Every structure is written in structure tokens, then in C-alpha cells.
Amino acid sequence: MTGAEFVRRVRKLGRRNRINVRFDSRQGKGSHGRLYYGCRFTTVKDRKKEISPGLLRDMLSQLGLSEQEM
């Protein structure tokens, strides 16, 4: 899964659960940005590159989500 696909899936999940989701590219350097899911957030690396499985688990954990929800 790429970073852009991750952001799309989290936004879709947020719409379904009526949770505010936003991406702030000003909160990161270069291609990094901060993805907010309600009051929780995680940093998304380059949105064009693949996310490794370990990093994906960590990002989901920071947002309080599980892999099954994605």
C-alpha cells in the first residue's frame, strides 16, 4: 500500500465512522505530512512510495485502528 492509498482508506473509514480526518502537509518536511484521525495523528512518509508492513502497523496503532478495519 502506498502512502496516498493509506490516506484515502483512512479518509473513507473516517467518513463511514463520522470522524474528522485531515492531512496537513505543513507539519512535515519534504514529502512527509501529518494525518489526523479525530484527535489522534500519525506521520505519513512519501505518499508515492510503498509503506512497509511494520510501519503500517505502527501508523494504525498511532491512529487507534486495526488492520482488519482497513
C-alpha atoms as a PDB file:
ATOM      1  CA  MET A   1       0.000   0.000   0.000  1.00  0.00           C
ATOM      2  CA  THR A   2       1.343   3.445  -0.859  1.00  0.00           C
ATOM      3  CA  GLY A   3       1.101   6.464   1.406  1.00  0.00           C
ATOM      4  CA  ALA A   4      -1.583   8.038  -0.804  1.00  0.00           C
ATOM      5  CA  GLU A   5      -3.674   4.865  -0.696  1.00  0.00           C
ATOM      6  CA  PHE A   6      -3.328   4.776   3.102  1.00  0.00           C
ATOM      7  CA  VAL A   7      -4.608   8.358   3.346  1.00  0.00           C
ATOM      8  CA  ARG A   8      -7.549   7.534   1.040  1.00  0.00           C
ATOM      9  CA  ARG A   9      -8.515   4.479   3.096  1.00  0.00           C
ATOM     10  CA  VAL A  10      -8.335   6.355   6.394  1.00  0.00           C
ATOM     11  CA  ARG A  11     -10.479   9.161   4.942  1.00  0.00           C
ATOM     12  CA  LYS A  12     -13.051   6.627   3.752  1.00  0.00           C
ATOM     13  CA  LEU A  13     -13.076   4.973   7.176  1.00  0.00           C
ATOM     14  CA  GLY A  14     -13.472   8.385   8.812  1.00  0.00           C
ATOM     15  CA  ARG A  15     -16.478   9.215   6.629  1.00  0.00           C
ATOM     16  CA  ARG A  16     -18.052   5.859   7.474  1.00  0.00           C
ATOM     17  CA  ASN A  17     -17.498   6.375  11.234  1.00  0.00           C
ATOM     18  CA  ARG A  18     -18.199  10.132  11.132  1.00  0.00           C
ATOM     19  CA  ILE A  19     -14.731  11.004  12.419  1.00  0.00           C
ATOM     20  CA  ASN A  20     -12.915  14.112  11.215  1.00  0.00           C
ATOM     21  CA  VAL A  21      -9.875  13.195   9.055  1.00  0.00           C
ATOM     22  CA  ARG A  22      -7.430  15.690   7.613  1.00  0.00           C
ATOM     23  CA  PHE A  23      -3.953  15.676   6.109  1.00  0.00           C
ATOM     24  CA  ASP A  24      -1.597  18.555   6.890  1.00  0.00           C
ATOM     25  CA  SER A  25       1.464  18.682   4.642  1.00  0.00           C
ATOM     26  CA  ARG A  26       2.828  21.703   6.518  1.00  0.00           C
ATOM     27  CA  GLN A  27       3.516  19.507   9.571  1.00  0.00           C
ATOM     28  CA  GLY A  28       6.267  17.542   7.833  1.00  0.00           C
ATOM     29  CA  LYS A  29       9.449  18.157   5.933  1.00  0.00           C
ATOM     30  CA  GLY A  30       9.677  17.376   2.242  1.00  0.00           C
ATOM     31  CA  SER A  31       7.185  14.725   1.243  1.00  0.00           C
ATOM     32  CA  HIS A  32       6.141  13.923   4.829  1.00  0.00           C
ATOM     33  CA  GLY A  33       2.870  15.085   6.318  1.00  0.00           C
ATOM     34  CA  ARG A  34       0.662  14.560   9.337  1.00  0.00           C
ATOM     35  CA  LEU A  35      -2.593  12.640   9.081  1.00  0.00           C
ATOM     36  CA  TYR A  36      -5.182  13.393  11.775  1.00  0.00           C
ATOM     37  CA  TYR A  37      -7.920  10.886  12.624  1.00  0.00           C
ATOM     38  CA  GLY A  38     -10.090  12.588  15.207  1.00  0.00           C
ATOM     39  CA  CYS A  39      -7.709  13.704  17.961  1.00  0.00           C
ATOM     40  CA  ARG A  40      -5.029  11.120  17.061  1.00  0.00           C
ATOM     41  CA  PHE A  41      -2.356  11.580  14.403  1.00  0.00           C
ATOM     42  CA  THR A  42       0.471   9.850  12.588  1.00  0.00           C
ATOM     43  CA  THR A  43       3.173  10.960  10.185  1.00  0.00           C
ATOM     44  CA  VAL A  44       2.863   9.718   6.606  1.00  0.00           C
ATOM     45  CA  LYS A  45       6.094   9.357   4.679  1.00  0.00           C
ATOM     46  CA  ASP A  46       6.366   9.898   0.937  1.00  0.00           C
ATOM     47  CA  ARG A  47       2.844   9.319  -0.407  1.00  0.00           C
ATOM     48  CA  LYS A  48       4.167   7.868  -3.666  1.00  0.00           C
ATOM     49  CA  LYS A  49       6.198   5.070  -2.054  1.00  0.00           C
ATOM     50  CA  GLU A  50       5.151   1.773  -0.520  1.00  0.00           C
ATOM     51  CA  ILE A  51       4.636   1.517   3.242  1.00  0.00           C
ATOM     52  CA  SER A  52       6.387  -1.446   4.855  1.00  0.00           C
ATOM     53  CA  PRO A  53       4.206  -3.838   6.917  1.00  0.00           C
ATOM     54  CA  GLY A  54       5.875  -2.859  10.202  1.00  0.00           C
ATOM     55  CA  LEU A  55       5.445   0.854   9.585  1.00  0.00           C
ATOM     56  CA  LEU A  56       1.824   0.283   8.562  1.00  0.00           C
ATOM     57  CA  ARG A  57       1.113  -1.490  11.874  1.00  0.00           C
ATOM     58  CA  ASP A  58       2.759   1.350  13.796  1.00  0.00           C
ATOM     59  CA  MET A  59       0.783   4.019  11.935  1.00  0.00           C
ATOM     60  CA  LEU A  60      -2.500   2.181  12.509  1.00  0.00           C
ATOM     61  CA  SER A  61      -1.635   1.791  16.187  1.00  0.00           C
ATOM     62  CA  GLN A  62      -0.982   5.527  16.495  1.00  0.00           C
ATOM     63  CA  LEU A  63      -4.411   6.208  14.982  1.00  0.00           C
ATOM     64  CA  GLY A  64      -6.100   3.617  17.200  1.00  0.00           C
ATOM     65  CA  LEU A  65      -7.098   1.432  14.225  1.00  0.00           C
ATOM     66  CA  SER A  66      -6.620  -2.248  13.446  1.00  0.00           C
ATOM     67  CA  GLU A  67      -5.538  -3.933  10.241  1.00  0.00           C
ATOM     68  CA  GLN A  68      -8.987  -5.527   9.910  1.00  0.00           C
ATOM     69  CA  GLU A  69     -10.618  -2.078   9.722  1.00  0.00           C
ATOM     70  CA  MET A  70      -8.509  -1.174   6.735  1.00  0.00           C
END
